[in-house]
């Protein structure tokens, strides 16, 4: 059974940085397709925003809202997914989740439809950005 556990969230002032981690356990394959999502306060899981995705070959894709500020990466040896966040804004405040795309349907699909169809999620880590 594959389990995901996010960490690294916290409170930060606007303009600051954070690095989120998603530890993957129980997976026989170190190379899997994954994504980061976020759910803003007051919104339900159907409104989760796909913000970054990475495929087995390391190719990445980002939502316009985070492009140029966030970087997704994966350490296959440690089975850890990262999200480096810089120049944080108050509107980045949200619960951040990692998820596995078992079928590797592609980064675009993950960002656009992953919130609805992906089945394997972590419990989330909270990021709060103050102005």
C-alpha atoms as a PDB file:
ATOM      1  CA  UNK A   1       0.000   0.000   0.000  1.00  0.00           C
ATOM      2  CA  UNK A   2       1.367   3.370  -1.039  1.00  0.00           C
ATOM      3  CA  UNK A   3       1.221   6.173   1.502  1.00  0.00           C
ATOM      4  CA  UNK A   4       1.982   9.859   1.064  1.00  0.00           C
ATOM      5  CA  UNK A   5       2.932  12.261   3.824  1.00  0.00           C
ATOM      6  CA  UNK A   6       3.418  15.972   3.288  1.00  0.00           C
ATOM      7  CA  UNK A   7       5.524  18.212   5.510  1.00  0.00           C
ATOM      8  CA  UNK A   8       7.165  21.608   5.478  1.00  0.00           C
ATOM      9  CA  UNK A   9       4.162  23.865   5.703  1.00  0.00           C
ATOM     10  CA  UNK A  10       4.022  26.822   8.052  1.00  0.00           C
ATOM     11  CA  UNK A  11       3.491  30.535   8.403  1.00  0.00           C
ATOM     12  CA  UNK A  12       5.562  32.962   6.383  1.00  0.00           C
ATOM     13  CA  UNK A  13       5.432  36.603   5.398  1.00  0.00           C
ATOM     14  CA  UNK A  14       4.772  37.659   1.845  1.00  0.00           C
ATOM     15  CA  UNK A  15       7.905  37.415  -0.241  1.00  0.00           C
ATOM     16  CA  UNK A  16       9.221  34.525   1.798  1.00  0.00           C
ATOM     17  CA  UNK A  17      10.013  30.949   0.833  1.00  0.00           C
ATOM     18  CA  UNK A  18       9.077  27.461   1.935  1.00  0.00           C
ATOM     19  CA  UNK A  19       9.936  23.979   0.739  1.00  0.00           C
ATOM     20  CA  UNK A  20       7.303  21.300   0.985  1.00  0.00           C
ATOM     21  CA  UNK A  21       8.140  17.618   1.013  1.00  0.00           C
ATOM     22  CA  UNK A  22       6.017  14.600   0.189  1.00  0.00           C
ATOM     23  CA  UNK A  23       7.400  11.307   1.407  1.00  0.00           C
ATOM     24  CA  UNK A  24       6.266   8.269  -0.570  1.00  0.00           C
ATOM     25  CA  UNK A  25       6.283   4.921   1.179  1.00  0.00           C
ATOM     26  CA  UNK A  26       5.157   1.498   0.069  1.00  0.00           C
ATOM     27  CA  UNK A  27       5.891   2.048  -3.587  1.00  0.00           C
ATOM     28  CA  UNK A  28       7.940  -0.541  -5.452  1.00  0.00           C
ATOM     29  CA  UNK A  29       8.782   1.955  -8.128  1.00  0.00           C
ATOM     30  CA  UNK A  30      10.845   5.019  -7.240  1.00  0.00           C
ATOM     31  CA  UNK A  31       9.863   6.678 -10.483  1.00  0.00           C
ATOM     32  CA  UNK A  32       6.240   7.658 -10.509  1.00  0.00           C
ATOM     33  CA  UNK A  33       4.222  10.549 -11.822  1.00  0.00           C
ATOM     34  CA  UNK A  34       3.080  13.003  -9.197  1.00  0.00           C
ATOM     35  CA  UNK A  35       1.577  16.398  -8.617  1.00  0.00           C
ATOM     36  CA  UNK A  36       1.040  19.137  -6.069  1.00  0.00           C
ATOM     37  CA  UNK A  37      -2.378  20.614  -5.437  1.00  0.00           C
ATOM     38  CA  UNK A  38      -3.745  23.214  -3.088  1.00  0.00           C
ATOM     39  CA  UNK A  39      -7.105  23.914  -1.533  1.00  0.00           C
ATOM     40  CA  UNK A  40      -7.781  27.460  -0.441  1.00  0.00           C
ATOM     41  CA  UNK A  41      -9.629  28.186   2.816  1.00  0.00           C
ATOM     42  CA  UNK A  42     -13.380  27.808   2.492  1.00  0.00           C
ATOM     43  CA  UNK A  43     -13.191  25.721  -0.681  1.00  0.00           C
ATOM     44  CA  UNK A  44     -13.970  22.029  -0.908  1.00  0.00           C
ATOM     45  CA  UNK A  45     -11.927  19.225  -2.449  1.00  0.00           C
ATOM     46  CA  UNK A  46     -13.647  19.661  -5.812  1.00  0.00           C
ATOM     47  CA  UNK A  47     -12.008  23.059  -5.998  1.00  0.00           C
ATOM     48  CA  UNK A  48      -8.474  21.871  -5.446  1.00  0.00           C
ATOM     49  CA  UNK A  49      -6.089  23.593  -7.792  1.00  0.00           C
ATOM     50  CA  UNK A  50      -3.447  21.581  -9.585  1.00  0.00           C
ATOM     51  CA  UNK A  51      -0.314  23.708  -9.389  1.00  0.00           C
ATOM     52  CA  UNK A  52       2.645  21.523 -10.372  1.00  0.00           C
ATOM     53  CA  UNK A  53       3.200  18.108 -11.893  1.00  0.00           C
ATOM     54  CA  UNK A  54       6.164  15.941 -12.779  1.00  0.00           C
ATOM     55  CA  UNK A  55       6.480  12.887 -14.996  1.00  0.00           C
ATOM     56  CA  UNK A  56       8.841   9.913 -14.875  1.00  0.00           C
ATOM     57  CA  UNK A  57      11.245  11.566 -17.289  1.00  0.00           C
ATOM     58  CA  UNK A  58      11.405  14.628 -15.047  1.00  0.00           C
ATOM     59  CA  UNK A  59       9.377  16.907 -17.279  1.00  0.00           C
ATOM     60  CA  UNK A  60       7.320  19.416 -15.340  1.00  0.00           C
ATOM     61  CA  UNK A  61       4.346  21.662 -15.795  1.00  0.00           C
ATOM     62  CA  UNK A  62       2.957  24.507 -13.690  1.00  0.00           C
ATOM     63  CA  UNK A  63      -0.242  26.425 -13.252  1.00  0.00           C
ATOM     64  CA  UNK A  64       0.021  30.035 -14.361  1.00  0.00           C
ATOM     65  CA  UNK A  65      -0.624  31.123 -10.787  1.00  0.00           C
ATOM     66  CA  UNK A  66       2.702  29.698  -9.605  1.00  0.00           C
ATOM     67  CA  UNK A  67       4.835  29.609 -12.737  1.00  0.00           C
ATOM     68  CA  UNK A  68       8.220  31.179 -12.156  1.00  0.00           C
ATOM     69  CA  UNK A  69       7.841  31.066  -8.375  1.00  0.00           C
ATOM     70  CA  UNK A  70       7.383  27.380  -7.559  1.00  0.00           C
ATOM     71  CA  UNK A  71       9.577  24.435  -8.556  1.00  0.00           C
ATOM     72  CA  UNK A  72       8.595  20.783  -8.379  1.00  0.00           C
ATOM     73  CA  UNK A  73      11.280  18.129  -8.122  1.00  0.00           C
ATOM     74  CA  UNK A  74      11.641  14.514  -7.112  1.00  0.00           C
ATOM     75  CA  UNK A  75      14.412  12.582  -5.408  1.00  0.00           C
ATOM     76  CA  UNK A  76      13.868   9.059  -6.717  1.00  0.00           C
ATOM     77  CA  UNK A  77      16.525   7.570  -4.445  1.00  0.00           C
ATOM     78  CA  UNK A  78      14.732   8.861  -1.355  1.00  0.00           C
ATOM     79  CA  UNK A  79      11.203   8.610  -2.760  1.00  0.00           C
ATOM     80  CA  UNK A  80      10.497  12.236  -1.872  1.00  0.00           C
ATOM     81  CA  UNK A  81       8.641  14.827  -3.913  1.00  0.00           C
ATOM     82  CA  UNK A  82       9.449  18.489  -3.273  1.00  0.00           C
ATOM     83  CA  UNK A  83       7.818  21.815  -3.939  1.00  0.00           C
ATOM     84  CA  UNK A  84      10.127  24.808  -3.567  1.00  0.00           C
ATOM     85  CA  UNK A  85       8.039  27.943  -3.164  1.00  0.00           C
ATOM     86  CA  UNK A  86       9.491  31.437  -3.492  1.00  0.00           C
ATOM     87  CA  UNK A  87       8.060  34.951  -3.568  1.00  0.00           C
ATOM     88  CA  UNK A  88       5.039  33.734  -1.657  1.00  0.00           C
ATOM     89  CA  UNK A  89       1.876  35.817  -1.748  1.00  0.00           C
ATOM     90  CA  UNK A  90      -1.102  35.941   0.612  1.00  0.00           C
ATOM     91  CA  UNK A  91      -3.189  34.264  -2.086  1.00  0.00           C
ATOM     92  CA  UNK A  92      -0.898  31.233  -1.851  1.00  0.00           C
ATOM     93  CA  UNK A  93      -2.428  30.507   1.559  1.00  0.00           C
ATOM     94  CA  UNK A  94      -3.936  27.026   1.331  1.00  0.00           C
ATOM     95  CA  UNK A  95      -3.683  23.410   2.342  1.00  0.00           C
ATOM     96  CA  UNK A  96      -1.160  21.785   0.033  1.00  0.00           C
ATOM     97  CA  UNK A  97      -1.495  18.165  -1.047  1.00  0.00           C
ATOM     98  CA  UNK A  98       0.631  15.775  -3.053  1.00  0.00           C
ATOM     99  CA  UNK A  99      -0.905  13.053  -5.161  1.00  0.00           C
ATOM    100  CA  UNK A 100       0.171  10.128  -7.331  1.00  0.00           C
ATOM    101  CA  UNK A 101      -0.881   9.728 -10.934  1.00  0.00           C
ATOM    102  CA  UNK A 102      -0.725   5.932 -11.171  1.00  0.00           C
ATOM    103  CA  UNK A 103      -1.432   5.888 -14.872  1.00  0.00           C
ATOM    104  CA  UNK A 104       0.986   8.691 -15.774  1.00  0.00           C
ATOM    105  CA  UNK A 105      -1.625  10.389 -17.918  1.00  0.00           C
ATOM    106  CA  UNK A 106       0.518  13.453 -18.377  1.00  0.00           C
ATOM    107  CA  UNK A 107       1.249  16.701 -16.580  1.00  0.00           C
ATOM    108  CA  UNK A 108      -1.505  18.656 -18.288  1.00  0.00           C
ATOM    109  CA  UNK A 109      -4.096  16.080 -17.298  1.00  0.00           C
ATOM    110  CA  UNK A 110      -2.854  16.082 -13.716  1.00  0.00           C
ATOM    111  CA  UNK A 111      -3.185  19.857 -13.423  1.00  0.00           C
ATOM    112  CA  UNK A 112      -6.549  20.081 -15.124  1.00  0.00           C
ATOM    113  CA  UNK A 113      -8.334  16.938 -13.977  1.00  0.00           C
ATOM    114  CA  UNK A 114      -6.257  15.408 -11.238  1.00  0.00           C
ATOM    115  CA  UNK A 115      -8.323  16.979  -8.468  1.00  0.00           C
ATOM    116  CA  UNK A 116     -11.268  14.920  -9.679  1.00  0.00           C
ATOM    117  CA  UNK A 117      -9.753  11.583 -10.699  1.00  0.00           C
ATOM    118  CA  UNK A 118      -6.580  10.970  -8.703  1.00  0.00           C
ATOM    119  CA  UNK A 119      -7.168   8.522  -5.905  1.00  0.00           C
ATOM    120  CA  UNK A 120      -3.976   8.569  -3.859  1.00  0.00           C
ATOM    121  CA  UNK A 121      -3.492  11.699  -1.749  1.00  0.00           C
ATOM    122  CA  UNK A 122      -1.546  12.788   1.296  1.00  0.00           C
ATOM    123  CA  UNK A 123      -3.202  14.390   4.311  1.00  0.00           C
ATOM    124  CA  UNK A 124      -1.999  17.884   3.416  1.00  0.00           C
ATOM    125  CA  UNK A 125       0.221  20.524   4.951  1.00  0.00           C
ATOM    126  CA  UNK A 126      -0.933  24.060   5.672  1.00  0.00           C
ATOM    127  CA  UNK A 127       0.789  27.120   4.234  1.00  0.00           C
ATOM    128  CA  UNK A 128      -0.221  30.531   5.566  1.00  0.00           C
ATOM    129  CA  UNK A 129       1.201  33.674   3.973  1.00  0.00           C
ATOM    130  CA  UNK A 130       0.660  36.983   5.716  1.00  0.00           C
ATOM    131  CA  UNK A 131       0.908  40.393   4.109  1.00  0.00           C
END
